[in-house]
Amino acid sequence: MKAEIHPEYTETQFVCACGEAFKAMSTAGGTVHVEICSVCHPFFTGKEKLIDSAGRIEKFNRRYGRKQA
């Protein structure tokens, strides 16, 4: 590896739009503002929407007159 070309790996504070703040190691350094984190992300909070693809297929078949034999 070449000397003195790699960025510094320092402790960085990440601040979410929801107000949550946490520290992690990063090459960004200082304070980084993020839009979403594990505290407010729907996957982690249990509020995620699941798409009912079976219902959409049935609706398509009813709408366009596709008959099952």
C-alpha atoms as a PDB file:
ATOM      1  CA  MET A   1       0.000   0.000   0.000  1.00  0.00           C
ATOM      2  CA  LYS A   2       1.086   3.526  -0.682  1.00  0.00           C
ATOM      3  CA  ALA A   3       1.736   5.695   2.343  1.00  0.00           C
ATOM      4  CA  GLU A   4      -0.423   8.719   3.150  1.00  0.00           C
ATOM      5  CA  ILE A   5      -3.116   8.223   0.467  1.00  0.00           C
ATOM      6  CA  HIS A   6      -5.757   6.511   2.604  1.00  0.00           C
ATOM      7  CA  PRO A   7      -8.422   8.527   4.467  1.00  0.00           C
ATOM      8  CA  GLU A   8      -8.387   8.702   8.264  1.00  0.00           C
ATOM      9  CA  TYR A   9     -10.659   6.188  10.028  1.00  0.00           C
ATOM     10  CA  THR A  10     -12.119   8.155  12.938  1.00  0.00           C
ATOM     11  CA  GLU A  11     -15.094   8.116  15.262  1.00  0.00           C
ATOM     12  CA  THR A  12     -18.058   9.840  13.584  1.00  0.00           C
ATOM     13  CA  GLN A  13     -21.350  10.949  15.077  1.00  0.00           C
ATOM     14  CA  PHE A  14     -24.426  10.169  12.960  1.00  0.00           C
ATOM     15  CA  VAL A  15     -27.563  12.238  13.610  1.00  0.00           C
ATOM     16  CA  CYS A  16     -30.895  11.074  12.192  1.00  0.00           C
ATOM     17  CA  ALA A  17     -33.796  13.322  11.156  1.00  0.00           C
ATOM     18  CA  CYS A  18     -35.870  11.720  13.957  1.00  0.00           C
ATOM     19  CA  GLY A  19     -33.372  13.019  16.534  1.00  0.00           C
ATOM     20  CA  GLU A  20     -31.526   9.778  17.284  1.00  0.00           C
ATOM     21  CA  ALA A  21     -27.736  10.095  17.452  1.00  0.00           C
ATOM     22  CA  PHE A  22     -25.111   7.353  17.540  1.00  0.00           C
ATOM     23  CA  LYS A  23     -21.373   7.049  17.105  1.00  0.00           C
ATOM     24  CA  ALA A  24     -19.579   4.715  14.714  1.00  0.00           C
ATOM     25  CA  MET A  25     -16.224   4.473  13.013  1.00  0.00           C
ATOM     26  CA  SER A  26     -16.102   6.043   9.558  1.00  0.00           C
ATOM     27  CA  THR A  27     -13.848   7.850   7.136  1.00  0.00           C
ATOM     28  CA  ALA A  28     -16.352  10.734   6.961  1.00  0.00           C
ATOM     29  CA  GLY A  29     -15.353  12.151  10.353  1.00  0.00           C
ATOM     30  CA  GLY A  30     -17.154  14.843  12.356  1.00  0.00           C
ATOM     31  CA  THR A  31     -20.949  14.802  12.291  1.00  0.00           C
ATOM     32  CA  VAL A  32     -23.031  13.239   9.513  1.00  0.00           C
ATOM     33  CA  HIS A  33     -26.787  13.899   9.168  1.00  0.00           C
ATOM     34  CA  VAL A  34     -28.857  10.983   7.848  1.00  0.00           C
ATOM     35  CA  GLU A  35     -32.530  10.819   6.873  1.00  0.00           C
ATOM     36  CA  ILE A  36     -33.413   7.447   8.388  1.00  0.00           C
ATOM     37  CA  CYS A  37     -31.964   5.093  11.008  1.00  0.00           C
ATOM     38  CA  SER A  38     -32.839   1.810  12.706  1.00  0.00           C
ATOM     39  CA  VAL A  39     -35.000   3.635  15.265  1.00  0.00           C
ATOM     40  CA  CYS A  40     -37.398   5.144  12.701  1.00  0.00           C
ATOM     41  CA  HIS A  41     -37.076   2.760   9.710  1.00  0.00           C
ATOM     42  CA  PRO A  42     -40.366   0.862   9.060  1.00  0.00           C
ATOM     43  CA  PHE A  43     -38.593  -2.500   8.814  1.00  0.00           C
ATOM     44  CA  PHE A  44     -37.212  -2.214  12.338  1.00  0.00           C
ATOM     45  CA  THR A  45     -40.296  -0.564  13.898  1.00  0.00           C
ATOM     46  CA  GLY A  46     -42.697  -3.231  12.588  1.00  0.00           C
ATOM     47  CA  LYS A  47     -44.800  -0.740  10.632  1.00  0.00           C
ATOM     48  CA  GLU A  48     -43.779  -1.889   7.167  1.00  0.00           C
ATOM     49  CA  LYS A  49     -46.428  -2.322   4.476  1.00  0.00           C
ATOM     50  CA  LEU A  50     -46.613  -5.683   2.782  1.00  0.00           C
ATOM     51  CA  ILE A  51     -47.974  -5.729  -0.747  1.00  0.00           C
ATOM     52  CA  ASP A  52     -50.739  -8.258  -1.358  1.00  0.00           C
ATOM     53  CA  SER A  53     -49.654  -9.501  -4.775  1.00  0.00           C
ATOM     54  CA  ALA A  54     -52.189 -12.359  -4.771  1.00  0.00           C
ATOM     55  CA  GLY A  55     -55.004  -9.838  -4.350  1.00  0.00           C
ATOM     56  CA  ARG A  56     -53.694  -7.779  -7.250  1.00  0.00           C
ATOM     57  CA  ILE A  57     -53.611 -10.786  -9.560  1.00  0.00           C
ATOM     58  CA  GLU A  58     -57.176 -11.725  -8.648  1.00  0.00           C
ATOM     59  CA  LYS A  59     -58.310  -8.148  -9.228  1.00  0.00           C
ATOM     60  CA  PHE A  60     -56.606  -8.129 -12.646  1.00  0.00           C
ATOM     61  CA  ASN A  61     -58.290 -11.399 -13.602  1.00  0.00           C
ATOM     62  CA  ARG A  62     -61.729 -10.114 -12.535  1.00  0.00           C
ATOM     63  CA  ARG A  63     -61.296  -6.807 -14.342  1.00  0.00           C
ATOM     64  CA  TYR A  64     -60.228  -8.242 -17.699  1.00  0.00           C
ATOM     65  CA  GLY A  65     -62.570 -11.230 -17.737  1.00  0.00           C
ATOM     66  CA  ARG A  66     -59.980 -13.954 -17.486  1.00  0.00           C
ATOM     67  CA  LYS A  67     -61.850 -17.126 -16.558  1.00  0.00           C
ATOM     68  CA  GLN A  68     -60.413 -20.136 -14.755  1.00  0.00           C
ATOM     69  CA  ALA A  69     -61.223 -23.522 -16.311  1.00  0.00           C
END
